[in-house]
Amino acid sequence: MKTAIIFLVLIAGISAQFSATAQQQIVDAHNKLRSSIAKGTYVAKGTTEPAGADILKMKWDSSIGTSAQNYANTCPTGHSGAAGLGKNIFWSWTSGQFGALDSYGVTASNSWEKEFQDYG
């Protein structure tokens, strides 16, 4: 089964893409987490988790990124149901001017990791 993380930044009326730099930062953040899990050094809920198996490095997939953006453009309230893809949804909103999308990618990754630390 092909596994990927789909990044959804849900902002009504905005259609944007991550820059190449942001894409690499997102992948690096996920690979750092995945490496820690693979080595058995990751702590969740105060407990060091056992080493994982078959945890491969990720790389950016433009076709999955485009699919994720198309889905995000619909302002969904849940997962897409697309088979074979892992999904995380990150919501962000502002009452001010919307800035560059790039800053949200690593923020979302860190938020998901914090959730994993707290809930396992």
C-alpha atoms as a PDB file:
ATOM      1  CA  MET A   1       0.000   0.000   0.000  1.00  0.00           C
ATOM      2  CA  LYS A   2       1.402   3.357  -0.977  1.00  0.00           C
ATOM      3  CA  THR A   3       1.554   5.693   1.981  1.00  0.00           C
ATOM      4  CA  ALA A   4       1.830   9.437   1.715  1.00  0.00           C
ATOM      5  CA  ILE A   5       0.981  12.423   3.789  1.00  0.00           C
ATOM      6  CA  ILE A   6      -1.406  14.823   2.156  1.00  0.00           C
ATOM      7  CA  PHE A   7      -1.059  18.371   3.338  1.00  0.00           C
ATOM      8  CA  LEU A   8      -4.312  20.244   3.464  1.00  0.00           C
ATOM      9  CA  VAL A   9      -4.270  23.843   4.469  1.00  0.00           C
ATOM     10  CA  LEU A  10      -7.896  24.838   4.409  1.00  0.00           C
ATOM     11  CA  ILE A  11      -8.479  28.484   3.717  1.00  0.00           C
ATOM     12  CA  ALA A  12     -11.683  29.542   2.005  1.00  0.00           C
ATOM     13  CA  GLY A  13     -11.256  31.171  -1.367  1.00  0.00           C
ATOM     14  CA  ILE A  14      -7.492  30.728  -1.588  1.00  0.00           C
ATOM     15  CA  SER A  15      -5.769  28.511  -4.116  1.00  0.00           C
ATOM     16  CA  ALA A  16      -2.028  28.305  -3.558  1.00  0.00           C
ATOM     17  CA  GLN A  17       0.917  25.948  -3.768  1.00  0.00           C
ATOM     18  CA  PHE A  18       3.915  25.354  -1.521  1.00  0.00           C
ATOM     19  CA  SER A  19       7.239  26.602  -2.872  1.00  0.00           C
ATOM     20  CA  ALA A  20       9.997  24.051  -3.556  1.00  0.00           C
ATOM     21  CA  THR A  21      11.732  25.194  -0.348  1.00  0.00           C
ATOM     22  CA  ALA A  22       8.581  24.697   1.722  1.00  0.00           C
ATOM     23  CA  GLN A  23       7.973  21.297   0.135  1.00  0.00           C
ATOM     24  CA  GLN A  24      11.460  20.196   1.219  1.00  0.00           C
ATOM     25  CA  GLN A  25      10.960  21.605   4.735  1.00  0.00           C
ATOM     26  CA  ILE A  26       7.711  19.647   5.081  1.00  0.00           C
ATOM     27  CA  VAL A  27       9.328  16.432   3.855  1.00  0.00           C
ATOM     28  CA  ASP A  28      12.326  16.999   6.160  1.00  0.00           C
ATOM     29  CA  ALA A  29      10.041  17.506   9.178  1.00  0.00           C
ATOM     30  CA  HIS A  30       8.194  14.259   8.433  1.00  0.00           C
ATOM     31  CA  ASN A  31      11.390  12.318   7.751  1.00  0.00           C
ATOM     32  CA  LYS A  32      12.900  13.518  11.035  1.00  0.00           C
ATOM     33  CA  LEU A  33       9.845  12.197  12.898  1.00  0.00           C
ATOM     34  CA  ARG A  34       9.810   8.959  10.906  1.00  0.00           C
ATOM     35  CA  SER A  35      13.533   8.415  11.577  1.00  0.00           C
ATOM     36  CA  SER A  36      13.005   8.820  15.318  1.00  0.00           C
ATOM     37  CA  ILE A  37      10.165   6.288  15.201  1.00  0.00           C
ATOM     38  CA  ALA A  38      12.230   3.858  13.099  1.00  0.00           C
ATOM     39  CA  LYS A  39      15.151   4.054  15.559  1.00  0.00           C
ATOM     40  CA  GLY A  40      12.957   3.546  18.612  1.00  0.00           C
ATOM     41  CA  THR A  41      13.867   6.916  20.131  1.00  0.00           C
ATOM     42  CA  TYR A  42      10.476   8.601  19.809  1.00  0.00           C
ATOM     43  CA  VAL A  43       8.589   9.504  22.991  1.00  0.00           C
ATOM     44  CA  ALA A  44       4.779   9.595  22.951  1.00  0.00           C
ATOM     45  CA  LYS A  45       2.607   9.976  26.045  1.00  0.00           C
ATOM     46  CA  GLY A  46       5.796   9.940  28.151  1.00  0.00           C
ATOM     47  CA  THR A  47       6.884   6.523  26.863  1.00  0.00           C
ATOM     48  CA  THR A  48       9.676   5.726  24.433  1.00  0.00           C
ATOM     49  CA  GLU A  49       8.011   3.902  21.580  1.00  0.00           C
ATOM     50  CA  PRO A  50       9.504   0.670  20.193  1.00  0.00           C
ATOM     51  CA  ALA A  51      11.431   0.840  16.946  1.00  0.00           C
ATOM     52  CA  GLY A  52       9.284   0.806  13.849  1.00  0.00           C
ATOM     53  CA  ALA A  53       9.732  -1.396  10.799  1.00  0.00           C
ATOM     54  CA  ASP A  54       9.539  -0.593   7.098  1.00  0.00           C
ATOM     55  CA  ILE A  55       9.524   3.157   7.745  1.00  0.00           C
ATOM     56  CA  LEU A  56      10.922   4.592   4.555  1.00  0.00           C
ATOM     57  CA  LYS A  57      12.013   8.141   3.846  1.00  0.00           C
ATOM     58  CA  MET A  58       9.382  10.222   2.151  1.00  0.00           C
ATOM     59  CA  LYS A  59       9.765  12.496  -0.837  1.00  0.00           C
ATOM     60  CA  TRP A  60       7.443  15.105  -2.293  1.00  0.00           C
ATOM     61  CA  ASP A  61       5.041  13.785  -4.926  1.00  0.00           C
ATOM     62  CA  SER A  62       3.706  16.605  -7.104  1.00  0.00           C
ATOM     63  CA  SER A  63       0.695  14.634  -8.331  1.00  0.00           C
ATOM     64  CA  ILE A  64      -0.384  13.893  -4.749  1.00  0.00           C
ATOM     65  CA  GLY A  65       0.260  17.542  -3.859  1.00  0.00           C
ATOM     66  CA  THR A  66      -1.980  18.673  -6.722  1.00  0.00           C
ATOM     67  CA  SER A  67      -4.674  16.212  -5.679  1.00  0.00           C
ATOM     68  CA  ALA A  68      -4.459  17.474  -2.090  1.00  0.00           C
ATOM     69  CA  GLN A  69      -4.718  21.088  -3.251  1.00  0.00           C
ATOM     70  CA  ASN A  70      -7.739  20.301  -5.397  1.00  0.00           C
ATOM     71  CA  TYR A  71      -9.394  18.653  -2.400  1.00  0.00           C
ATOM     72  CA  ALA A  72      -8.446  21.560  -0.098  1.00  0.00           C
ATOM     73  CA  ASN A  73     -10.022  23.984  -2.583  1.00  0.00           C
ATOM     74  CA  THR A  74     -13.411  22.399  -1.794  1.00  0.00           C
ATOM     75  CA  CYS A  75     -13.060  23.462   1.893  1.00  0.00           C
ATOM     76  CA  PRO A  76     -13.772  19.924   3.166  1.00  0.00           C
ATOM     77  CA  THR A  77     -14.638  19.099   6.745  1.00  0.00           C
ATOM     78  CA  GLY A  78     -13.192  15.577   6.716  1.00  0.00           C
ATOM     79  CA  HIS A  79     -10.867  13.164   4.957  1.00  0.00           C
ATOM     80  CA  SER A  80     -11.265  12.522   1.243  1.00  0.00           C
ATOM     81  CA  GLY A  81     -11.621   8.757   1.444  1.00  0.00           C
ATOM     82  CA  ALA A  82      -8.986   8.278  -1.277  1.00  0.00           C
ATOM     83  CA  ALA A  83      -7.535   4.789  -0.849  1.00  0.00           C
ATOM     84  CA  GLY A  84      -3.845   4.148  -0.200  1.00  0.00           C
ATOM     85  CA  LEU A  85      -2.957   7.573   1.182  1.00  0.00           C
ATOM     86  CA  GLY A  86      -2.410   8.642   4.774  1.00  0.00           C
ATOM     87  CA  LYS A  87      -4.050  11.978   5.479  1.00  0.00           C
ATOM     88  CA  ASN A  88      -3.717  14.730   8.031  1.00  0.00           C
ATOM     89  CA  ILE A  89      -5.865  17.830   8.025  1.00  0.00           C
ATOM     90  CA  PHE A  90      -4.657  21.126   9.442  1.00  0.00           C
ATOM     91  CA  TRP A  91      -7.043  24.038   9.865  1.00  0.00           C
ATOM     92  CA  SER A  92      -5.866  27.607  10.121  1.00  0.00           C
ATOM     93  CA  TRP A  93      -7.756  30.856   9.947  1.00  0.00           C
ATOM     94  CA  THR A  94      -7.091  34.516  10.349  1.00  0.00           C
ATOM     95  CA  SER A  95      -9.107  37.688  10.565  1.00  0.00           C
ATOM     96  CA  GLY A  96      -6.211  39.551   8.996  1.00  0.00           C
ATOM     97  CA  GLN A  97      -4.403  39.399   5.692  1.00  0.00           C
ATOM     98  CA  PHE A  98      -3.546  35.883   4.545  1.00  0.00           C
ATOM     99  CA  GLY A  99       0.211  35.510   4.161  1.00  0.00           C
ATOM    100  CA  ALA A 100       2.350  33.078   2.225  1.00  0.00           C
ATOM    101  CA  LEU A 101       1.255  29.455   2.375  1.00  0.00           C
ATOM    102  CA  ASP A 102       4.809  28.206   2.982  1.00  0.00           C
ATOM    103  CA  SER A 103       4.817  28.936   6.713  1.00  0.00           C
ATOM    104  CA  TYR A 104       1.815  26.682   7.284  1.00  0.00           C
ATOM    105  CA  GLY A 105       3.428  23.436   6.077  1.00  0.00           C
ATOM    106  CA  VAL A 106       5.969  23.002   8.862  1.00  0.00           C
ATOM    107  CA  THR A 107       3.504  24.449  11.393  1.00  0.00           C
ATOM    108  CA  ALA A 108       1.036  21.736  10.383  1.00  0.00           C
ATOM    109  CA  SER A 109       3.731  19.044  10.589  1.00  0.00           C
ATOM    110  CA  ASN A 110       4.717  20.183  14.079  1.00  0.00           C
ATOM    111  CA  SER A 111       1.073  20.270  15.143  1.00  0.00           C
ATOM    112  CA  TRP A 112       0.532  16.684  13.981  1.00  0.00           C
ATOM    113  CA  GLU A 113       3.686  15.557  15.788  1.00  0.00           C
ATOM    114  CA  LYS A 114       2.510  17.238  18.997  1.00  0.00           C
ATOM    115  CA  GLU A 115      -0.783  15.386  18.647  1.00  0.00           C
ATOM    116  CA  PHE A 116       1.160  12.123  18.325  1.00  0.00           C
ATOM    117  CA  GLN A 117       3.267  12.988  21.392  1.00  0.00           C
ATOM    118  CA  ASP A 118       0.148  13.702  23.422  1.00  0.00           C
ATOM    119  CA  TYR A 119      -2.068  10.837  22.286  1.00  0.00           C
ATOM    120  CA  GLY A 120       0.285   8.207  20.852  1.00  0.00           C
END
